[in-house]
Amino acid sequence: MTSPDTAALLEDAADRIADISRADLQIMLRRAALRLRNAGAVSMEDDVEDALRDLAGELGKTRNDMIRFIVREWMEKNTYLPVHQLDEDGDVDGSA
């Protein structure tokens, strides 16, 4: 994600509550409410939940981040989404 997520913005606002404007706080709270309202719970079998939790812990991500990552990877591998290709001269930050 290129812009900060809603949770990070809310945490930052909580840390500096005296400095944040009422309008900015209203925007953040409305975004958070909208995300909560539109969030669909995805429930999995116990063994899948355990694997998701373990994998998320290993990679330092949340359960929902892992689900998003896995679904995106699956969709790219099965050509439902275009694959992001690296050009030969592209920067790969030490991994290819």
PDB file of N, CA and C in Angstrom:
ATOM      1  N   MET A   1       0.846  -1.174   0.000  1.00  0.00           N
ATOM      2  CA  MET A   1       0.000   0.000   0.000  1.00  0.00           C
ATOM      3  C   MET A   1       0.890   1.236   0.000  1.00  0.00           C
ATOM      4  N   THR A   2       0.613   2.203  -0.836  1.00  0.00           N
ATOM      5  CA  THR A   2       1.486   3.363  -0.932  1.00  0.00           C
ATOM      6  C   THR A   2       1.159   4.414   0.115  1.00  0.00           C
ATOM      7  N   SER A   3      -0.072   4.569   0.499  1.00  0.00           N
ATOM      8  CA  SER A   3      -0.415   5.532   1.535  1.00  0.00           C
ATOM      9  C   SER A   3      -0.606   4.804   2.858  1.00  0.00           C
ATOM     10  N   PRO A   4      -0.443   5.521   3.971  1.00  0.00           N
ATOM     11  CA  PRO A   4      -0.593   4.867   5.268  1.00  0.00           C
ATOM     12  C   PRO A   4      -2.004   4.288   5.429  1.00  0.00           C
ATOM     13  N   ASP A   5      -2.100   3.147   6.094  1.00  0.00           N
ATOM     14  CA  ASP A   5      -3.417   2.550   6.283  1.00  0.00           C
ATOM     15  C   ASP A   5      -4.187   3.279   7.382  1.00  0.00           C
ATOM     16  N   THR A   6      -5.475   3.023   7.429  1.00  0.00           N
ATOM     17  CA  THR A   6      -6.360   3.710   8.362  1.00  0.00           C
ATOM     18  C   THR A   6      -5.941   3.483   9.806  1.00  0.00           C
ATOM     19  N   ALA A   7      -5.559   2.252  10.147  1.00  0.00           N
ATOM     20  CA  ALA A   7      -5.159   1.958  11.521  1.00  0.00           C
ATOM     21  C   ALA A   7      -3.937   2.777  11.930  1.00  0.00           C
ATOM     22  N   ALA A   8      -2.957   2.881  11.037  1.00  0.00           N
ATOM     23  CA  ALA A   8      -1.751   3.660  11.343  1.00  0.00           C
ATOM     24  C   ALA A   8      -2.090   5.140  11.531  1.00  0.00           C
ATOM     25  N   LEU A   9      -2.985   5.654  10.685  1.00  0.00           N
ATOM     26  CA  LEU A   9      -3.393   7.057  10.822  1.00  0.00           C
ATOM     27  C   LEU A   9      -4.106   7.296  12.145  1.00  0.00           C
ATOM     28  N   LEU A  10      -4.972   6.371  12.533  1.00  0.00           N
ATOM     29  CA  LEU A  10      -5.676   6.518  13.805  1.00  0.00           C
ATOM     30  C   LEU A  10      -4.722   6.422  14.992  1.00  0.00           C
ATOM     31  N   GLU A  11      -3.760   5.510  14.929  1.00  0.00           N
ATOM     32  CA  GLU A  11      -2.775   5.396  16.002  1.00  0.00           C
ATOM     33  C   GLU A  11      -1.954   6.674  16.130  1.00  0.00           C
ATOM     34  N   ASP A  12      -1.562   7.231  14.988  1.00  0.00           N
ATOM     35  CA  ASP A  12      -0.797   8.473  14.996  1.00  0.00           C
ATOM     36  C   ASP A  12      -1.626   9.610  15.584  1.00  0.00           C
ATOM     37  N   ALA A  13      -2.900   9.665  15.202  1.00  0.00           N
ATOM     38  CA  ALA A  13      -3.782  10.704  15.735  1.00  0.00           C
ATOM     39  C   ALA A  13      -3.943  10.563  17.242  1.00  0.00           C
ATOM     40  N   ALA A  14      -4.049   9.318  17.724  1.00  0.00           N
ATOM     41  CA  ALA A  14      -4.180   9.089  19.160  1.00  0.00           C
ATOM     42  C   ALA A  14      -2.931   9.548  19.907  1.00  0.00           C
ATOM     43  N   ASP A  15      -1.765   9.362  19.269  1.00  0.00           N
ATOM     44  CA  ASP A  15      -0.515   9.787  19.903  1.00  0.00           C
ATOM     45  C   ASP A  15      -0.389  11.299  20.003  1.00  0.00           C
ATOM     46  N   ARG A  16      -1.024  12.006  19.090  1.00  0.00           N
ATOM     47  CA  ARG A  16      -0.921  13.481  19.095  1.00  0.00           C
ATOM     48  C   ARG A  16      -2.297  14.125  19.041  1.00  0.00           C
ATOM     49  N   ILE A  17      -3.178  13.647  19.893  1.00  0.00           N
ATOM     50  CA  ILE A  17      -4.582  14.056  19.893  1.00  0.00           C
ATOM     51  C   ILE A  17      -4.758  15.569  20.072  1.00  0.00           C
ATOM     52  N   ALA A  18      -3.893  16.192  20.828  1.00  0.00           N
ATOM     53  CA  ALA A  18      -4.028  17.640  21.056  1.00  0.00           C
ATOM     54  C   ALA A  18      -3.675  18.447  19.811  1.00  0.00           C
ATOM     55  N   ASP A  19      -2.896  17.862  18.900  1.00  0.00           N
ATOM     56  CA  ASP A  19      -2.423  18.581  17.726  1.00  0.00           C
ATOM     57  C   ASP A  19      -3.281  18.374  16.479  1.00  0.00           C
ATOM     58  N   ILE A  20      -4.145  17.395  16.495  1.00  0.00           N
ATOM     59  CA  ILE A  20      -4.889  17.064  15.279  1.00  0.00           C
ATOM     60  C   ILE A  20      -6.184  17.870  15.216  1.00  0.00           C
ATOM     61  N   SER A  21      -6.522  18.294  14.029  1.00  0.00           N
ATOM     62  CA  SER A  21      -7.732  19.121  13.877  1.00  0.00           C
ATOM     63  C   SER A  21      -8.977  18.247  13.955  1.00  0.00           C
ATOM     64  N   ARG A  22     -10.064  18.864  14.331  1.00  0.00           N
ATOM     65  CA  ARG A  22     -11.337  18.154  14.429  1.00  0.00           C
ATOM     66  C   ARG A  22     -11.739  17.586  13.073  1.00  0.00           C
ATOM     67  N   ALA A  23     -11.531  18.357  12.005  1.00  0.00           N
ATOM     68  CA  ALA A  23     -11.900  17.906  10.655  1.00  0.00           C
ATOM     69  C   ALA A  23     -11.100  16.668  10.250  1.00  0.00           C
ATOM     70  N   ASP A  24      -9.787  16.675  10.528  1.00  0.00           N
ATOM     71  CA  ASP A  24      -8.956  15.510  10.202  1.00  0.00           C
ATOM     72  C   ASP A  24      -9.395  14.281  10.990  1.00  0.00           C
ATOM     73  N   LEU A  25      -9.716  14.495  12.257  1.00  0.00           N
ATOM     74  CA  LEU A  25     -10.161  13.382  13.083  1.00  0.00           C
ATOM     75  C   LEU A  25     -11.496  12.825  12.575  1.00  0.00           C
ATOM     76  N   GLN A  26     -12.402  13.705  12.167  1.00  0.00           N
ATOM     77  CA  GLN A  26     -13.683  13.256  11.619  1.00  0.00           C
ATOM     78  C   GLN A  26     -13.470  12.410  10.361  1.00  0.00           C
ATOM     79  N   ILE A  27     -12.588  12.856   9.493  1.00  0.00           N
ATOM     80  CA  ILE A  27     -12.305  12.107   8.259  1.00  0.00           C
ATOM     81  C   ILE A  27     -11.777  10.718   8.596  1.00  0.00           C
ATOM     82  N   MET A  28     -10.812  10.648   9.514  1.00  0.00           N
ATOM     83  CA  MET A  28     -10.227   9.362   9.881  1.00  0.00           C
ATOM     84  C   MET A  28     -11.254   8.432  10.519  1.00  0.00           C
ATOM     85  N   LEU A  29     -12.096   8.981  11.390  1.00  0.00           N
ATOM     86  CA  LEU A  29     -13.102   8.149  12.038  1.00  0.00           C
ATOM     87  C   LEU A  29     -14.146   7.655  11.042  1.00  0.00           C
ATOM     88  N   ARG A  30     -14.514   8.502  10.081  1.00  0.00           N
ATOM     89  CA  ARG A  30     -15.464   8.065   9.057  1.00  0.00           C
ATOM     90  C   ARG A  30     -14.864   6.971   8.180  1.00  0.00           C
ATOM     91  N   ARG A  31     -13.597   7.115   7.824  1.00  0.00           N
ATOM     92  CA  ARG A  31     -12.924   6.069   7.040  1.00  0.00           C
ATOM     93  C   ARG A  31     -12.886   4.757   7.811  1.00  0.00           C
ATOM     94  N   ALA A  32     -12.558   4.847   9.097  1.00  0.00           N
ATOM     95  CA  ALA A  32     -12.497   3.642   9.925  1.00  0.00           C
ATOM     96  C   ALA A  32     -13.868   2.986  10.027  1.00  0.00           C
ATOM     97  N   ALA A  33     -14.902   3.786  10.226  1.00  0.00           N
ATOM     98  CA  ALA A  33     -16.262   3.243  10.307  1.00  0.00           C
ATOM     99  C   ALA A  33     -16.661   2.578   9.002  1.00  0.00           C
ATOM    100  N   LEU A  34     -16.316   3.193   7.885  1.00  0.00           N
ATOM    101  CA  LEU A  34     -16.637   2.626   6.585  1.00  0.00           C
ATOM    102  C   LEU A  34     -15.926   1.294   6.374  1.00  0.00           C
ATOM    103  N   ARG A  35     -14.657   1.241   6.747  1.00  0.00           N
ATOM    104  CA  ARG A  35     -13.910  -0.005   6.591  1.00  0.00           C
ATOM    105  C   ARG A  35     -14.484  -1.106   7.474  1.00  0.00           C
ATOM    106  N   LEU A  36     -14.865  -0.757   8.707  1.00  0.00           N
ATOM    107  CA  LEU A  36     -15.457  -1.750   9.593  1.00  0.00           C
ATOM    108  C   LEU A  36     -16.801  -2.236   9.056  1.00  0.00           C
ATOM    109  N   ARG A  37     -17.571  -1.307   8.540  1.00  0.00           N
ATOM    110  CA  ARG A  37     -18.884  -1.651   8.001  1.00  0.00           C
ATOM    111  C   ARG A  37     -18.759  -2.573   6.797  1.00  0.00           C
ATOM    112  N   ASN A  38     -17.761  -2.345   5.969  1.00  0.00           N
ATOM    113  CA  ASN A  38     -17.606  -3.115   4.739  1.00  0.00           C
ATOM    114  C   ASN A  38     -16.733  -4.353   4.896  1.00  0.00           C
ATOM    115  N   ALA A  39     -16.140  -4.519   6.067  1.00  0.00           N
ATOM    116  CA  ALA A  39     -15.243  -5.656   6.280  1.00  0.00           C
ATOM    117  C   ALA A  39     -16.063  -6.931   6.413  1.00  0.00           C
ATOM    118  N   GLY A  40     -15.758  -7.870   5.585  1.00  0.00           N
ATOM    119  CA  GLY A  40     -16.417  -9.169   5.686  1.00  0.00           C
ATOM    120  C   GLY A  40     -15.503 -10.136   6.393  1.00  0.00           C
ATOM    121  N   ALA A  41     -16.021 -10.821   7.362  1.00  0.00           N
ATOM    122  CA  ALA A  41     -15.220 -11.784   8.091  1.00  0.00           C
ATOM    123  C   ALA A  41     -15.063 -13.040   7.249  1.00  0.00           C
ATOM    124  N   VAL A  42     -13.834 -13.490   7.132  1.00  0.00           N
ATOM    125  CA  VAL A  42     -13.550 -14.726   6.424  1.00  0.00           C
ATOM    126  C   VAL A  42     -13.171 -15.750   7.490  1.00  0.00           C
ATOM    127  N   SER A  43     -13.994 -16.759   7.631  1.00  0.00           N
ATOM    128  CA  SER A  43     -13.670 -17.787   8.622  1.00  0.00           C
ATOM    129  C   SER A  43     -13.137 -19.016   7.914  1.00  0.00           C
ATOM    130  N   MET A  44     -12.182 -19.648   8.541  1.00  0.00           N
ATOM    131  CA  MET A  44     -11.504 -20.813   7.979  1.00  0.00           C
ATOM    132  C   MET A  44     -11.597 -21.960   8.975  1.00  0.00           C
ATOM    133  N   GLU A  45     -11.278 -23.166   8.488  1.00  0.00           N
ATOM    134  CA  GLU A  45     -11.190 -24.311   9.395  1.00  0.00           C
ATOM    135  C   GLU A  45     -10.033 -24.084  10.364  1.00  0.00           C
ATOM    136  N   ASP A  46     -10.063 -24.781  11.476  1.00  0.00           N
ATOM    137  CA  ASP A  46      -9.066 -24.584  12.532  1.00  0.00           C
ATOM    138  C   ASP A  46      -7.636 -24.778  12.046  1.00  0.00           C
ATOM    139  N   ASP A  47      -7.402 -25.822  11.221  1.00  0.00           N
ATOM    140  CA  ASP A  47      -6.031 -26.069  10.763  1.00  0.00           C
ATOM    141  C   ASP A  47      -5.542 -24.946   9.843  1.00  0.00           C
ATOM    142  N   VAL A  48      -6.447 -24.383   9.043  1.00  0.00           N
ATOM    143  CA  VAL A  48      -6.077 -23.272   8.165  1.00  0.00           C
ATOM    144  C   VAL A  48      -5.824 -22.017   9.004  1.00  0.00           C
ATOM    145  N   GLU A  49      -6.660 -21.778  10.010  1.00  0.00           N
ATOM    146  CA  GLU A  49      -6.452 -20.634  10.909  1.00  0.00           C
ATOM    147  C   GLU A  49      -5.093 -20.725  11.599  1.00  0.00           C
ATOM    148  N   ASP A  50      -4.744 -21.929  12.055  1.00  0.00           N
ATOM    149  CA  ASP A  50      -3.446 -22.122  12.711  1.00  0.00           C
ATOM    150  C   ASP A  50      -2.302 -21.812  11.756  1.00  0.00           C
ATOM    151  N   ALA A  51      -2.407 -22.322  10.524  1.00  0.00           N
ATOM    152  CA  ALA A  51      -1.353 -22.082   9.534  1.00  0.00           C
ATOM    153  C   ALA A  51      -1.258 -20.597   9.188  1.00  0.00           C
ATOM    154  N   LEU A  52      -2.404 -19.938   9.041  1.00  0.00           N
ATOM    155  CA  LEU A  52      -2.402 -18.496   8.756  1.00  0.00           C
ATOM    156  C   LEU A  52      -1.746 -17.715   9.881  1.00  0.00           C
ATOM    157  N   ARG A  53      -2.098 -18.047  11.120  1.00  0.00           N
ATOM    158  CA  ARG A  53      -1.530 -17.351  12.271  1.00  0.00           C
ATOM    159  C   ARG A  53      -0.018 -17.550  12.343  1.00  0.00           C
ATOM    160  N   ASP A  54       0.424 -18.784  12.124  1.00  0.00           N
ATOM    161  CA  ASP A  54       1.860 -19.081  12.173  1.00  0.00           C
ATOM    162  C   ASP A  54       2.618 -18.347  11.064  1.00  0.00           C
ATOM    163  N   LEU A  55       2.075 -18.400   9.862  1.00  0.00           N
ATOM    164  CA  LEU A  55       2.716 -17.730   8.725  1.00  0.00           C
ATOM    165  C   LEU A  55       2.751 -16.222   8.919  1.00  0.00           C
ATOM    166  N   ALA A  56       1.635 -15.660   9.375  1.00  0.00           N
ATOM    167  CA  ALA A  56       1.585 -14.217   9.619  1.00  0.00           C
ATOM    168  C   ALA A  56       2.616 -13.814  10.671  1.00  0.00           C
ATOM    169  N   GLY A  57       2.756 -14.613  11.715  1.00  0.00           N
ATOM    170  CA  GLY A  57       3.748 -14.329  12.749  1.00  0.00           C
ATOM    171  C   GLY A  57       5.163 -14.387  12.210  1.00  0.00           C
ATOM    172  N   GLU A  58       5.441 -15.391  11.374  1.00  0.00           N
ATOM    173  CA  GLU A  58       6.771 -15.526  10.772  1.00  0.00           C
ATOM    174  C   GLU A  58       7.133 -14.327   9.917  1.00  0.00           C
ATOM    175  N   LEU A  59       6.158 -13.842   9.148  1.00  0.00           N
ATOM    176  CA  LEU A  59       6.419 -12.754   8.210  1.00  0.00           C
ATOM    177  C   LEU A  59       6.125 -11.371   8.783  1.00  0.00           C
ATOM    178  N   GLY A  60       5.653 -11.317  10.020  1.00  0.00           N
ATOM    179  CA  GLY A  60       5.369 -10.027  10.655  1.00  0.00           C
ATOM    180  C   GLY A  60       4.201  -9.305  10.020  1.00  0.00           C
ATOM    181  N   LYS A  61       3.208 -10.049   9.595  1.00  0.00           N
ATOM    182  CA  LYS A  61       2.028  -9.465   8.965  1.00  0.00           C
ATOM    183  C   LYS A  61       0.792  -9.853   9.761  1.00  0.00           C
ATOM    184  N   THR A  62      -0.321  -9.214   9.458  1.00  0.00           N
ATOM    185  CA  THR A  62      -1.572  -9.579  10.105  1.00  0.00           C
ATOM    186  C   THR A  62      -2.220 -10.732   9.350  1.00  0.00           C
ATOM    187  N   ARG A  63      -3.190 -11.350   9.963  1.00  0.00           N
ATOM    188  CA  ARG A  63      -3.936 -12.438   9.326  1.00  0.00           C
ATOM    189  C   ARG A  63      -4.575 -11.956   8.030  1.00  0.00           C
ATOM    190  N   ASN A  64      -5.209 -10.789   8.079  1.00  0.00           N
ATOM    191  CA  ASN A  64      -5.868 -10.262   6.879  1.00  0.00           C
ATOM    192  C   ASN A  64      -4.861  -9.928   5.781  1.00  0.00           C
ATOM    193  N   ASP A  65      -3.689  -9.419   6.164  1.00  0.00           N
ATOM    194  CA  ASP A  65      -2.647  -9.153   5.169  1.00  0.00           C
ATOM    195  C   ASP A  65      -2.223 -10.452   4.486  1.00  0.00           C
ATOM    196  N   MET A  66      -2.109 -11.522   5.274  1.00  0.00           N
ATOM    197  CA  MET A  66      -1.717 -12.807   4.702  1.00  0.00           C
ATOM    198  C   MET A  66      -2.781 -13.325   3.742  1.00  0.00           C
ATOM    199  N   ILE A  67      -4.046 -13.195   4.108  1.00  0.00           N
ATOM    200  CA  ILE A  67      -5.119 -13.641   3.219  1.00  0.00           C
ATOM    201  C   ILE A  67      -5.078 -12.866   1.918  1.00  0.00           C
ATOM    202  N   ARG A  68      -4.907 -11.534   2.020  1.00  0.00           N
ATOM    203  CA  ARG A  68      -4.814 -10.710   0.807  1.00  0.00           C
ATOM    204  C   ARG A  68      -3.640 -11.136  -0.063  1.00  0.00           C
ATOM    205  N   PHE A  69      -2.489 -11.377   0.562  1.00  0.00           N
ATOM    206  CA  PHE A  69      -1.292 -11.787  -0.164  1.00  0.00           C
ATOM    207  C   PHE A  69      -1.508 -13.130  -0.865  1.00  0.00           C
ATOM    208  N   ILE A  70      -2.044 -14.091  -0.138  1.00  0.00           N
ATOM    209  CA  ILE A  70      -2.260 -15.428  -0.695  1.00  0.00           C
ATOM    210  C   ILE A  70      -3.245 -15.387  -1.860  1.00  0.00           C
ATOM    211  N   VAL A  71      -4.330 -14.649  -1.699  1.00  0.00           N
ATOM    212  CA  VAL A  71      -5.325 -14.556  -2.775  1.00  0.00           C
ATOM    213  C   VAL A  71      -4.718 -13.880  -4.000  1.00  0.00           C
ATOM    214  N   ARG A  72      -3.968 -12.800  -3.789  1.00  0.00           N
ATOM    215  CA  ARG A  72      -3.334 -12.107  -4.924  1.00  0.00           C
ATOM    216  C   ARG A  72      -2.361 -13.031  -5.647  1.00  0.00           C
ATOM    217  N   GLU A  73      -1.517 -13.730  -4.883  1.00  0.00           N
ATOM    218  CA  GLU A  73      -0.569 -14.662  -5.489  1.00  0.00           C
ATOM    219  C   GLU A  73      -1.289 -15.731  -6.295  1.00  0.00           C
ATOM    220  N   TRP A  74      -2.339 -16.297  -5.726  1.00  0.00           N
ATOM    221  CA  TRP A  74      -3.094 -17.339  -6.411  1.00  0.00           C
ATOM    222  C   TRP A  74      -3.712 -16.800  -7.697  1.00  0.00           C
ATOM    223  N   MET A  75      -4.264 -15.594  -7.636  1.00  0.00           N
ATOM    224  CA  MET A  75      -4.896 -15.001  -8.819  1.00  0.00           C
ATOM    225  C   MET A  75      -3.864 -14.690  -9.901  1.00  0.00           C
ATOM    226  N   GLU A  76      -2.671 -14.245  -9.504  1.00  0.00           N
ATOM    227  CA  GLU A  76      -1.624 -13.991 -10.490  1.00  0.00           C
ATOM    228  C   GLU A  76      -1.141 -15.301 -11.108  1.00  0.00           C
ATOM    229  N   LYS A  77      -0.912 -16.316 -10.269  1.00  0.00           N
ATOM    230  CA  LYS A  77      -0.422 -17.597 -10.777  1.00  0.00           C
ATOM    231  C   LYS A  77      -1.421 -18.264 -11.715  1.00  0.00           C
ATOM    232  N   ASN A  78      -2.703 -18.022 -11.507  1.00  0.00           N
ATOM    233  CA  ASN A  78      -3.741 -18.632 -12.335  1.00  0.00           C
ATOM    234  C   ASN A  78      -4.265 -17.671 -13.404  1.00  0.00           C
ATOM    235  N   THR A  79      -3.526 -16.612 -13.659  1.00  0.00           N
ATOM    236  CA  THR A  79      -3.760 -15.612 -14.711  1.00  0.00           C
ATOM    237  C   THR A  79      -5.090 -14.873 -14.607  1.00  0.00           C
ATOM    238  N   TYR A  80      -5.623 -14.770 -13.401  1.00  0.00           N
ATOM    239  CA  TYR A  80      -6.795 -13.924 -13.202  1.00  0.00           C
ATOM    240  C   TYR A  80      -6.391 -12.464 -13.044  1.00  0.00           C
ATOM    241  N   LEU A  81      -5.142 -12.238 -12.659  1.00  0.00           N
ATOM    242  CA  LEU A  81      -4.567 -10.896 -12.548  1.00  0.00           C
ATOM    243  C   LEU A  81      -3.269 -10.872 -13.340  1.00  0.00           C
ATOM    244  N   PRO A  82      -2.917  -9.702 -13.872  1.00  0.00           N
ATOM    245  CA  PRO A  82      -1.628  -9.627 -14.568  1.00  0.00           C
ATOM    246  C   PRO A  82      -0.475  -9.791 -13.573  1.00  0.00           C
ATOM    247  N   VAL A  83       0.563 -10.450 -14.012  1.00  0.00           N
ATOM    248  CA  VAL A  83       1.748 -10.663 -13.181  1.00  0.00           C
ATOM    249  C   VAL A  83       2.637  -9.440 -13.300  1.00  0.00           C
ATOM    250  N   HIS A  84       3.161  -8.988 -12.156  1.00  0.00           N
ATOM    251  CA  HIS A  84       4.093  -7.863 -12.169  1.00  0.00           C
ATOM    252  C   HIS A  84       5.445  -8.375 -12.625  1.00  0.00           C
ATOM    253  N   GLN A  85       5.903  -7.936 -13.782  1.00  0.00           N
ATOM    254  CA  GLN A  85       7.171  -8.403 -14.332  1.00  0.00           C
ATOM    255  C   GLN A  85       8.275  -7.427 -13.979  1.00  0.00           C
ATOM    256  N   LEU A  86       9.442  -7.972 -13.684  1.00  0.00           N
ATOM    257  CA  LEU A  86      10.618  -7.156 -13.431  1.00  0.00           C
ATOM    258  C   LEU A  86      11.416  -7.048 -14.719  1.00  0.00           C
ATOM    259  N   ASP A  87      11.827  -5.835 -15.064  1.00  0.00           N
ATOM    260  CA  ASP A  87      12.697  -5.701 -16.228  1.00  0.00           C
ATOM    261  C   ASP A  87      14.128  -6.034 -15.807  1.00  0.00           C
ATOM    262  N   GLU A  88      14.977  -6.342 -16.771  1.00  0.00           N
ATOM    263  CA  GLU A  88      16.331  -6.794 -16.449  1.00  0.00           C
ATOM    264  C   GLU A  88      17.139  -5.757 -15.711  1.00  0.00           C
ATOM    265  N   ASP A  89      16.876  -4.482 -15.950  1.00  0.00           N
ATOM    266  CA  ASP A  89      17.643  -3.431 -15.296  1.00  0.00           C
ATOM    267  C   ASP A  89      16.968  -2.904 -14.048  1.00  0.00           C
ATOM    268  N   GLY A  90      15.856  -3.520 -13.636  1.00  0.00           N
ATOM    269  CA  GLY A  90      15.090  -3.030 -12.487  1.00  0.00           C
ATOM    270  C   GLY A  90      15.774  -3.324 -11.166  1.00  0.00           C
ATOM    271  N   ASP A  91      15.470  -2.525 -10.173  1.00  0.00           N
ATOM    272  CA  ASP A  91      16.014  -2.687  -8.835  1.00  0.00           C
ATOM    273  C   ASP A  91      15.173  -3.704  -8.077  1.00  0.00           C
ATOM    274  N   VAL A  92      15.813  -4.752  -7.551  1.00  0.00           N
ATOM    275  CA  VAL A  92      15.068  -5.790  -6.846  1.00  0.00           C
ATOM    276  C   VAL A  92      15.421  -5.843  -5.356  1.00  0.00           C
ATOM    277  N   ASP A  93      16.166  -4.893  -4.859  1.00  0.00           N
ATOM    278  CA  ASP A  93      16.526  -4.808  -3.438  1.00  0.00           C
ATOM    279  C   ASP A  93      17.158  -6.097  -2.919  1.00  0.00           C
ATOM    280  N   GLY A  94      18.039  -6.700  -3.708  1.00  0.00           N
ATOM    281  CA  GLY A  94      18.772  -7.874  -3.257  1.00  0.00           C
ATOM    282  C   GLY A  94      18.076  -9.192  -3.446  1.00  0.00           C
ATOM    283  N   SER A  95      16.860  -9.182  -3.999  1.00  0.00           N
ATOM    284  CA  SER A  95      16.183 -10.460  -4.255  1.00  0.00           C
ATOM    285  C   SER A  95      15.531 -10.397  -5.627  1.00  0.00           C
ATOM    286  N   ALA A  96      15.441 -11.529  -6.257  1.00  0.00           N
ATOM    287  CA  ALA A  96      14.844 -11.574  -7.584  1.00  0.00           C
ATOM    288  C   ALA A  96      13.696 -12.528  -7.624  1.00  0.00           C
TER     289      ALA A  96
END
